Amino acid sequence: MRLKFSQFLVAFLLIGSLMLAGCNAQEVGSNSSPASTTAVETTTTTSAEATSVSQTNSESNPGMTNSLPRLEGKATVVITVKGAPITVEVDGTNAPITAGNFVDLVQKGVYDGTVFHRVVRQPQPFVVQGGDPQSKDPKSSPQLWGTGGYVDPKTNTERRIPLEIKPKGEATPIYSKTFESAGITKAPELQHKQGAVAMARSQQPDSASSQFYFALADLGFLDGNYAVFGTVTQGFDVVNNIQQGDRIDSAKVTQGAENLKAAQ
């Protein structure tokens, strides 16, 4: 019992610390981070103009996601940090919108030059989080890093994507709800295993934008709450060596770019 209690306490403290970090700028909005939005939240200011998806699932409103890019199948993205590559398999089969958003932002060069603003390894390995476009500017204040998302230049508003998690064995994901709020007891298809790549968000389910995180260990307590969309297939040692403040040299789609379908 003592072991189980201590594990629960550590998980609670990790999530709590991330939530605080993600709630600085506002609640926990577009500053998505595994620890900032329950476990990985973002500290973005929630804008009334931000593009978001209504709280419903794909079956009740199958056309709700047409305004967002989708990945139909898989793609490979290579993220280079300090000259060393990290290969990520992006899974559009099980997370088409989340994966499509990530691949689209990679192709737009959004992640090039951004900072990993949150690295949590104590009291146990947790996450490496980055992807805030604000961190590209060397003159920007580090206090703002983790509070921003991708602003679409066509609309001048922040792109938000719905929380998208597919239960194991189901044909389609559920949207805009955690498994707990949806009453789902199954495990998700894509889980927070070591090397998983997932979207950070605020306390609002549909607040993820561009920030993402790497899971440094198996983090099953995040399953059903955050959207995993890929996994590191090569270069996890590079992820393990990332320090807070390190920048992404570049992020490139090396395979599967043809599977990205533009927003309609």
Protein backbone atom coordinates (compact mmCIF):
# COMPACT_ATOMS: atom_id res chain seq x y z
CA MET A 1 0.00 0.00 0.00
CA ARG A 2 2.86 2.33 0.81
CA LEU A 3 4.33 1.94 -2.69
CA LYS A 4 1.02 2.57 -4.41
CA PHE A 5 0.41 5.66 -2.31
CA SER A 6 3.84 7.13 -3.03
CA GLN A 7 3.43 6.55 -6.77
CA PHE A 8 0.06 8.32 -6.66
CA LEU A 9 1.55 11.21 -4.70
CA VAL A 10 4.40 11.66 -7.19
CA ALA A 11 1.96 11.64 -10.12
CA PHE A 12 -0.25 14.16 -8.34
CA LEU A 13 2.69 16.47 -7.66
CA LEU A 14 3.91 16.25 -11.26
CA ILE A 15 0.50 17.10 -12.66
CA GLY A 16 0.01 19.87 -10.15
CA SER A 17 3.37 21.48 -10.88
CA LEU A 18 2.68 21.37 -14.59
CA MET A 19 -0.74 22.87 -14.15
CA LEU A 20 0.69 25.76 -12.22
CA ALA A 21 3.31 26.32 -14.86
CA GLY A 22 0.63 26.20 -17.51
CA CYS A 23 -1.75 28.48 -15.70
CA ASN A 24 0.52 31.45 -15.31
CA ALA A 25 -0.55 33.48 -18.28
CA GLN A 26 -4.16 32.76 -17.88
CA GLU A 27 -5.82 29.57 -17.02
CA VAL A 28 -4.27 26.84 -18.97
CA GLY A 29 -5.20 27.62 -22.45
CA SER A 30 -3.05 27.39 -25.47
CA ASN A 31 0.11 26.81 -23.56
CA SER A 32 -0.20 23.13 -24.03
CA SER A 33 2.12 21.02 -22.03
CA PRO A 34 1.88 17.57 -20.53
CA ALA A 35 2.12 19.13 -17.17
CA SER A 36 0.31 22.29 -17.89
CA THR A 37 -2.99 21.01 -18.86
CA THR A 38 -3.61 18.38 -16.33
CA ALA A 39 -0.34 16.88 -16.97
CA VAL A 40 0.66 18.69 -20.01
CA GLU A 41 -0.93 22.04 -20.28
CA THR A 42 -0.19 25.23 -22.09
CA THR A 43 -0.16 28.71 -20.71
CA THR A 44 -1.74 30.43 -23.63
CA THR A 45 -4.23 33.20 -23.19
CA THR A 46 -7.64 32.00 -24.18
CA SER A 47 -8.84 34.24 -26.96
CA ALA A 48 -12.51 34.54 -27.80
CA GLU A 49 -11.40 34.69 -31.41
CA ALA A 50 -9.40 31.48 -31.31
CA THR A 51 -10.54 28.80 -33.70
CA SER A 52 -12.00 25.90 -31.73
CA VAL A 53 -14.27 22.92 -32.21
CA SER A 54 -17.57 22.49 -30.41
CA GLN A 55 -17.81 19.81 -27.78
CA THR A 56 -19.19 16.90 -29.69
CA ASN A 57 -17.90 13.71 -31.21
CA SER A 58 -17.31 12.83 -34.82
CA GLU A 59 -20.39 10.65 -35.07
CA SER A 60 -22.79 13.38 -33.99
CA ASN A 61 -21.15 15.96 -36.21
CA PRO A 62 -18.95 14.28 -38.84
CA GLY A 63 -18.21 17.54 -40.65
CA MET A 64 -16.93 19.44 -37.65
CA THR A 65 -13.26 18.96 -38.51
CA ASN A 66 -13.29 19.96 -42.19
CA SER A 67 -11.67 23.28 -41.36
CA LEU A 68 -8.54 21.55 -40.04
CA PRO A 69 -5.80 19.62 -41.85
CA ARG A 70 -5.91 15.83 -41.50
CA LEU A 71 -3.33 13.09 -41.85
CA GLU A 72 -4.80 10.02 -43.53
CA GLY A 73 -2.27 7.34 -42.69
CA LYS A 74 1.21 7.82 -41.27
CA ALA A 75 4.11 10.17 -41.76
CA THR A 76 7.69 10.43 -40.56
CA VAL A 77 9.08 13.66 -39.10
CA VAL A 78 12.74 14.22 -38.22
CA ILE A 79 13.34 16.82 -35.51
CA THR A 80 16.95 17.97 -35.19
CA VAL A 81 18.19 19.31 -31.86
CA LYS A 82 21.79 20.47 -31.47
CA GLY A 83 22.63 18.66 -34.70
CA ALA A 84 21.20 15.30 -33.58
CA PRO A 85 18.08 13.77 -35.19
CA ILE A 86 14.93 12.52 -33.48
CA THR A 87 12.71 10.40 -35.74
CA VAL A 88 8.99 10.52 -34.98
CA GLU A 89 6.34 8.29 -36.53
CA VAL A 90 3.18 10.40 -36.72
CA ASP A 91 -0.03 8.35 -36.58
CA GLY A 92 -2.89 9.81 -38.61
CA THR A 93 -4.69 6.48 -38.60
CA ASN A 94 -5.62 6.82 -34.94
CA ALA A 95 -5.36 10.60 -34.50
CA PRO A 96 -6.03 12.17 -37.92
CA ILE A 97 -6.64 15.76 -36.82
CA THR A 98 -3.94 15.95 -34.15
CA ALA A 99 -1.41 14.32 -36.46
CA GLY A 100 -2.53 16.47 -39.40
CA ASN A 101 -2.12 19.64 -37.37
CA PHE A 102 1.42 18.65 -36.35
CA VAL A 103 2.55 17.67 -39.85
CA ASP A 104 1.02 20.83 -41.30
CA LEU A 105 2.90 23.00 -38.78
CA VAL A 106 6.14 21.11 -39.49
CA GLN A 107 5.71 21.82 -43.22
CA LYS A 108 5.07 25.49 -42.47
CA GLY A 109 8.35 25.69 -40.53
CA VAL A 110 6.54 26.67 -37.34
CA TYR A 111 8.78 24.56 -35.09
CA ASP A 112 12.13 25.58 -36.56
CA GLY A 113 14.01 27.62 -33.97
CA THR A 114 11.51 27.11 -31.15
CA VAL A 115 12.64 26.37 -27.59
CA PHE A 116 11.95 23.46 -25.30
CA HIS A 117 10.66 25.63 -22.50
CA ARG A 118 9.72 22.92 -20.00
CA VAL A 119 11.80 19.90 -19.07
CA VAL A 120 10.71 17.86 -16.04
CA ARG A 121 12.94 15.01 -14.88
CA GLN A 122 12.53 15.31 -11.11
CA PRO A 123 11.29 13.78 -8.89
CA GLN A 124 11.07 11.29 -11.76
CA PRO A 125 11.29 11.45 -15.59
CA PHE A 126 8.19 13.19 -16.93
CA VAL A 127 8.17 15.32 -20.09
CA VAL A 128 10.11 17.54 -22.47
CA GLN A 129 7.77 20.20 -23.85
CA GLY A 130 8.13 22.79 -26.60
CA GLY A 131 6.51 24.16 -29.73
CA ASP A 132 5.57 27.70 -28.69
CA PRO A 133 6.18 29.96 -31.75
CA GLN A 134 6.82 32.92 -29.42
CA SER A 135 10.07 31.28 -28.32
CA LYS A 136 11.58 31.70 -31.81
CA ASP A 137 12.28 35.36 -31.16
CA PRO A 138 15.57 35.66 -29.22
CA LYS A 139 14.30 38.97 -27.84
CA SER A 140 11.12 37.44 -26.43
CA SER A 141 10.79 37.01 -22.68
CA PRO A 142 11.22 33.42 -21.46
CA GLN A 143 8.34 34.14 -19.09
CA LEU A 144 6.03 34.08 -22.12
CA TRP A 145 7.30 30.78 -23.47
CA GLY A 146 4.65 28.13 -23.10
CA THR A 147 1.79 30.60 -23.36
CA GLY A 148 1.44 30.76 -27.14
CA GLY A 149 0.18 28.78 -30.10
CA TYR A 150 0.15 28.92 -33.89
CA VAL A 151 -1.55 32.04 -35.22
CA ASP A 152 -2.91 31.48 -38.72
CA PRO A 153 -1.80 34.46 -40.83
CA LYS A 154 -4.91 34.11 -43.01
CA THR A 155 -7.29 34.68 -40.11
CA ASN A 156 -4.95 36.32 -37.58
CA THR A 157 -6.37 33.98 -34.94
CA GLU A 158 -4.87 31.08 -33.08
CA ARG A 159 -5.61 27.66 -34.50
CA ARG A 160 -7.08 25.36 -31.87
CA ILE A 161 -7.72 21.66 -32.37
CA PRO A 162 -10.14 19.41 -30.51
CA LEU A 163 -9.04 16.88 -27.95
CA GLU A 164 -8.95 13.69 -30.03
CA ILE A 165 -8.49 10.26 -28.42
CA LYS A 166 -9.43 6.92 -29.97
CA PRO A 167 -10.54 4.14 -27.60
CA LYS A 168 -8.94 0.77 -28.27
CA GLY A 169 -10.98 -1.31 -30.69
CA GLU A 170 -13.22 1.57 -31.81
CA ALA A 171 -13.53 2.76 -35.40
CA THR A 172 -13.26 6.48 -34.68
CA PRO A 173 -11.85 8.80 -31.98
CA ILE A 174 -13.98 10.74 -29.55
CA TYR A 175 -13.62 14.51 -29.58
CA SER A 176 -13.66 17.32 -27.05
CA LYS A 177 -13.95 15.04 -24.02
CA THR A 178 -11.59 13.21 -21.73
CA PHE A 179 -12.29 9.53 -21.26
CA GLU A 180 -13.43 10.23 -17.71
CA SER A 181 -15.95 12.87 -18.76
CA ALA A 182 -17.17 10.63 -21.58
CA GLY A 183 -17.51 7.63 -19.27
CA ILE A 184 -15.06 5.53 -21.27
CA THR A 185 -13.20 2.79 -19.40
CA LYS A 186 -11.24 1.34 -22.33
CA ALA A 187 -7.58 2.16 -22.87
CA PRO A 188 -6.71 4.48 -25.77
CA GLU A 189 -5.14 3.13 -28.95
CA LEU A 190 -2.23 5.55 -28.55
CA GLN A 191 -0.86 5.50 -25.02
CA HIS A 192 1.67 7.48 -23.03
CA LYS A 193 4.50 4.99 -23.30
CA GLN A 194 8.09 6.19 -23.08
CA GLY A 195 8.82 8.08 -26.29
CA ALA A 196 5.19 9.00 -26.98
CA VAL A 197 4.60 12.40 -28.56
CA ALA A 198 1.42 14.23 -27.52
CA MET A 199 -0.23 17.64 -27.56
CA ALA A 200 -0.13 19.98 -24.61
CA ARG A 201 -3.24 21.94 -23.80
CA SER A 202 -4.88 24.01 -21.10
CA GLN A 203 -7.72 22.87 -18.87
CA GLN A 204 -10.09 23.36 -21.79
CA PRO A 205 -10.23 20.16 -23.88
CA ASP A 206 -10.16 21.96 -27.23
CA SER A 207 -7.26 24.31 -26.46
CA ALA A 208 -4.28 22.53 -28.04
CA SER A 209 -2.54 24.48 -30.79
CA SER A 210 1.17 23.91 -31.51
CA GLN A 211 2.80 22.91 -28.23
CA PHE A 212 3.74 19.26 -27.87
CA TYR A 213 5.69 17.06 -25.50
CA PHE A 214 7.78 13.90 -25.39
CA ALA A 215 7.02 11.38 -22.64
CA LEU A 216 10.27 10.56 -20.84
CA ALA A 217 8.74 7.49 -19.18
CA ASP A 218 5.53 5.47 -19.23
CA LEU A 219 2.89 7.97 -18.06
CA GLY A 220 -0.30 5.94 -17.97
CA PHE A 221 -2.03 8.46 -15.69
CA LEU A 222 -2.18 10.84 -18.68
CA ASP A 223 -3.98 8.33 -20.92
CA GLY A 224 -7.48 9.43 -21.83
CA ASN A 225 -6.69 13.05 -20.90
CA TYR A 226 -4.16 14.14 -23.53
CA ALA A 227 -3.92 13.33 -27.20
CA VAL A 228 -0.98 11.15 -28.20
CA PHE A 229 -0.32 11.36 -31.94
CA GLY A 230 3.06 9.72 -32.48
CA THR A 231 6.11 8.00 -31.05
CA VAL A 232 9.87 8.37 -31.21
CA THR A 233 11.25 5.50 -33.28
CA GLN A 234 14.90 6.63 -33.31
CA GLY A 235 16.83 9.17 -31.27
CA PHE A 236 15.23 8.81 -27.86
CA ASP A 237 18.71 9.28 -26.43
CA VAL A 238 18.64 12.74 -27.99
CA VAL A 239 15.30 13.45 -26.32
CA ASN A 240 16.74 12.25 -23.02
CA ASN A 241 19.56 14.77 -23.31
CA ILE A 242 17.42 17.82 -24.11
CA GLN A 243 17.85 20.61 -21.58
CA GLN A 244 15.44 23.43 -20.87
CA GLY A 245 16.26 26.23 -23.29
CA ASP A 246 17.52 23.99 -26.10
CA ARG A 247 16.21 24.91 -29.54
CA ILE A 248 14.88 22.85 -32.43
CA ASP A 249 17.29 23.31 -35.33
CA SER A 250 14.73 22.05 -37.82
CA ALA A 251 11.72 19.77 -38.23
CA LYS A 252 11.14 18.09 -41.59
CA VAL A 253 8.60 15.64 -43.01
CA THR A 254 10.70 12.88 -44.58
CA GLN A 255 7.94 10.40 -45.47
CA GLY A 256 4.17 10.45 -45.82
CA ALA A 257 3.73 14.10 -46.78
CA GLU A 258 1.25 12.97 -49.44
CA ASN A 259 -1.04 11.71 -46.67
CA LEU A 260 -1.66 15.25 -45.39
CA LYS A 261 -5.02 16.58 -46.55
CA ALA A 262 -5.49 20.34 -46.47
CA ALA A 263 -8.34 21.98 -44.62
CA GLN A 264 -11.45 22.47 -46.71
